[in-house]
Protein backbone atom coordinates (compact mmCIF):
# COMPACT_ATOMS: atom_id res chain seq x y z
CA UNK A 1 -1.64 -6.24 -24.89
CA UNK A 2 -3.59 -9.16 -23.37
CA UNK A 3 -3.08 -12.64 -24.70
CA UNK A 4 -5.92 -14.72 -26.13
CA UNK A 5 -6.38 -16.32 -22.72
CA UNK A 6 -9.52 -14.98 -21.10
CA UNK A 7 -9.82 -14.81 -17.35
CA UNK A 8 -13.02 -16.38 -16.12
CA UNK A 9 -13.56 -15.64 -12.41
CA UNK A 10 -15.57 -18.82 -11.92
CA UNK A 11 -12.91 -21.21 -13.25
CA UNK A 12 -11.92 -23.83 -10.73
CA UNK A 13 -9.36 -22.37 -8.32
CA UNK A 14 -5.89 -23.73 -8.91
CA UNK A 15 -6.68 -25.34 -12.25
CA UNK A 16 -3.50 -25.65 -14.26
CA UNK A 17 -1.23 -24.18 -11.57
CA UNK A 18 1.11 -27.14 -11.65
CA UNK A 19 2.13 -26.18 -15.16
CA UNK A 20 2.08 -22.40 -15.27
CA UNK A 21 2.28 -21.35 -18.85
CA UNK A 22 3.86 -18.22 -20.22
CA UNK A 23 0.43 -16.92 -21.28
CA UNK A 24 -0.95 -17.34 -17.73
CA UNK A 25 1.99 -15.43 -16.30
CA UNK A 26 1.66 -12.71 -18.94
CA UNK A 27 -2.05 -12.43 -18.15
CA UNK A 28 -1.27 -12.07 -14.44
CA UNK A 29 1.32 -9.39 -15.23
CA UNK A 30 -1.15 -7.49 -17.40
CA UNK A 31 -3.88 -7.76 -14.76
CA UNK A 32 -1.57 -6.43 -12.02
CA UNK A 33 -0.58 -3.52 -14.24
CA UNK A 34 -4.16 -2.70 -15.17
CA UNK A 35 -5.40 -3.06 -11.57
CA UNK A 36 -2.72 -0.59 -10.45
CA UNK A 37 -3.65 1.81 -13.22
CA UNK A 38 -7.36 1.52 -12.43
CA UNK A 39 -6.76 2.05 -8.71
CA UNK A 40 -4.68 5.15 -9.47
CA UNK A 41 -7.49 6.46 -11.69
CA UNK A 42 -10.04 5.87 -8.91
CA UNK A 43 -7.86 7.85 -6.47
CA UNK A 44 -7.08 10.68 -8.91
CA UNK A 45 -10.15 12.89 -8.20
CA UNK A 46 -9.31 13.13 -4.49
CA UNK A 47 -5.60 13.63 -5.15
CA UNK A 48 -6.43 16.41 -7.64
CA UNK A 49 -8.87 18.05 -5.23
CA UNK A 50 -6.25 17.95 -2.46
CA UNK A 51 -3.49 19.05 -4.87
CA UNK A 52 -1.47 15.94 -4.04
CA UNK A 53 0.60 13.69 -6.24
CA UNK A 54 1.39 10.01 -6.14
CA UNK A 55 4.50 10.61 -3.98
CA UNK A 56 2.35 12.35 -1.37
CA UNK A 57 -0.16 9.49 -1.48
CA UNK A 58 2.53 6.86 -0.97
CA UNK A 59 3.85 8.71 2.10
CA UNK A 60 0.34 9.08 3.54
CA UNK A 61 -0.32 5.40 2.88
CA UNK A 62 2.86 4.19 4.59
CA UNK A 63 2.33 6.48 7.60
CA UNK A 64 -1.22 5.16 7.93
CA UNK A 65 -0.12 1.53 8.21
CA UNK A 66 3.16 2.27 9.97
CA UNK A 67 2.74 5.26 12.33
CA UNK A 68 5.89 6.36 14.09
CA UNK A 69 8.15 5.14 11.30
CA UNK A 70 11.62 6.70 11.28
CA UNK A 71 12.39 8.89 8.25
CA UNK A 72 15.22 6.55 7.22
CA UNK A 73 12.91 3.52 7.17
CA UNK A 74 10.26 5.48 5.24
CA UNK A 75 12.91 6.32 2.64
CA UNK A 76 13.91 2.66 2.43
CA UNK A 77 10.29 1.52 2.19
CA UNK A 78 9.47 3.92 -0.62
CA UNK A 79 12.77 3.38 -2.43
CA UNK A 80 13.27 7.08 -3.09
CA UNK A 81 16.18 9.47 -2.70
CA UNK A 82 16.64 11.50 0.45
CA UNK A 83 16.18 14.69 -1.59
CA UNK A 84 12.91 13.51 -3.15
CA UNK A 85 11.52 12.32 0.18
CA UNK A 86 12.60 15.56 1.88
CA UNK A 87 10.72 17.63 -0.67
CA UNK A 88 7.56 15.51 -0.31
CA UNK A 89 7.72 15.50 3.49
CA UNK A 90 8.26 19.26 3.50
CA UNK A 91 5.15 19.81 1.38
CA UNK A 92 3.05 17.52 3.58
CA UNK A 93 4.37 19.18 6.74
CA UNK A 94 3.63 22.66 5.34
CA UNK A 95 0.04 21.54 4.79
CA UNK A 96 -0.20 20.28 8.36
CA UNK A 97 -0.56 16.61 7.37
CA UNK A 98 2.45 15.32 9.34
CA UNK A 99 3.69 15.33 12.89
CA UNK A 100 7.29 14.63 13.74
CA UNK A 101 8.76 13.65 17.09
CA UNK A 102 12.22 12.80 18.29
CA UNK A 103 12.87 9.17 19.09
CA UNK A 104 13.40 8.42 22.77
CA UNK A 105 16.02 5.80 21.84
CA UNK A 106 17.98 7.90 19.37
CA UNK A 107 17.68 11.68 19.57
CA UNK A 108 18.94 12.03 15.98
CA UNK A 109 16.00 10.03 14.65
CA UNK A 110 12.68 11.67 13.68
CA UNK A 111 9.54 9.56 13.92
CA UNK A 112 6.67 10.48 11.61
CA UNK A 113 2.91 10.34 12.23
CA UNK A 114 -0.10 11.63 10.37
CA UNK A 115 -1.74 14.66 11.97
CA UNK A 116 -5.53 14.74 12.33
CA UNK A 117 -5.68 16.54 8.97
CA UNK A 118 -3.38 13.96 7.38
CA UNK A 119 -5.47 11.14 8.82
CA UNK A 120 -8.62 12.68 7.35
CA UNK A 121 -7.12 12.94 3.85
CA UNK A 122 -5.68 9.42 4.04
CA UNK A 123 -9.06 8.10 5.25
CA UNK A 124 -10.77 9.62 2.19
CA UNK A 125 -8.22 7.96 -0.07
CA UNK A 126 -8.45 4.64 1.75
CA UNK A 127 -12.25 4.71 1.44
CA UNK A 128 -11.78 4.45 -2.34
CA UNK A 129 -9.30 1.58 -1.93
CA UNK A 130 -11.62 -0.15 0.55
CA UNK A 131 -14.53 0.11 -1.87
CA UNK A 132 -12.52 -1.32 -4.78
CA UNK A 133 -11.02 -4.16 -2.75
CA UNK A 134 -14.30 -5.02 -1.04
CA UNK A 135 -16.12 -5.26 -4.35
CA UNK A 136 -13.37 -7.45 -5.82
CA UNK A 137 -13.25 -9.66 -2.71
CA UNK A 138 -17.05 -10.10 -2.74
CA UNK A 139 -16.98 -11.04 -6.40
CA UNK A 140 -14.10 -13.50 -5.93
CA UNK A 141 -15.28 -15.20 -2.72
CA UNK A 142 -13.54 -16.17 0.50
CA UNK A 143 -11.22 -18.84 -0.87
CA UNK A 144 -9.97 -16.46 -3.54
CA UNK A 145 -9.25 -13.78 -0.92
CA UNK A 146 -6.98 -16.15 0.97
CA UNK A 147 -5.38 -17.23 -2.30
CA UNK A 148 -4.77 -13.58 -3.23
CA UNK A 149 -3.07 -12.97 0.13
CA UNK A 150 -0.84 -15.98 -0.42
CA UNK A 151 0.11 -14.90 -3.92
CA UNK A 152 0.88 -11.35 -2.77
CA UNK A 153 2.90 -12.69 0.18
CA UNK A 154 4.84 -14.89 -2.21
CA UNK A 155 5.75 -11.85 -4.29
CA UNK A 156 7.11 -9.87 -1.32
CA UNK A 157 10.84 -9.62 -0.64
CA UNK A 158 12.10 -10.75 2.75
CA UNK A 159 12.40 -7.11 3.87
CA UNK A 160 8.81 -6.41 2.81
CA UNK A 161 7.61 -9.51 4.64
CA UNK A 162 9.45 -8.31 7.75
CA UNK A 163 7.80 -4.90 7.43
CA UNK A 164 4.34 -6.46 7.23
CA UNK A 165 5.11 -8.60 10.30
CA UNK A 166 6.52 -5.61 12.21
CA UNK A 167 3.52 -3.47 11.35
CA UNK A 168 1.11 -6.22 12.42
CA UNK A 169 2.98 -6.60 15.70
CA UNK A 170 2.84 -2.82 16.25
CA UNK A 171 -0.90 -2.77 15.61
CA UNK A 172 -1.42 -5.59 18.14
CA UNK A 173 0.71 -3.75 20.70
CA UNK A 174 -1.21 -0.48 20.21
CA UNK A 175 -4.52 -2.36 20.45
CA UNK A 176 -3.55 -4.29 23.58
CA UNK A 177 -1.62 -1.49 25.28
CA UNK A 178 1.98 -1.44 26.55
């Protein structure tokens, strides 16, 4: 699956970026795929123990970084059907992992939050992610961390960039008060 090109973490940052070759792009694609697979494998023991699937995890993850998200925006963020999301939300609600409140601005809109139980499960899952990312960041060094953020930002759609900005603004507002 991987090309003959070998990734060496200590290569000079940015070397050869002016002329990205097909093999470099293929290597990046393979590494993203494998990193996602490895992260999923690291999370699997907790998901199995909690009897949760990847759809449940994605909902918990989004609600952790975007508390109070309307159901419609959650559906848009996850890119799933209303029926699929409804089933997943129902299962999480039955387990006591979600709280729902009516929006003050629009009474038809339900805003979702993690309950204390949901926060605890998500925190266990995030601890695994934190450990994996921290180890990778330490190995790569500070300049690489900033470079990684820039690459990931460059891969985001405009709507995803807006979501990240909105979530950051919401976190600042919650931290600083109304």
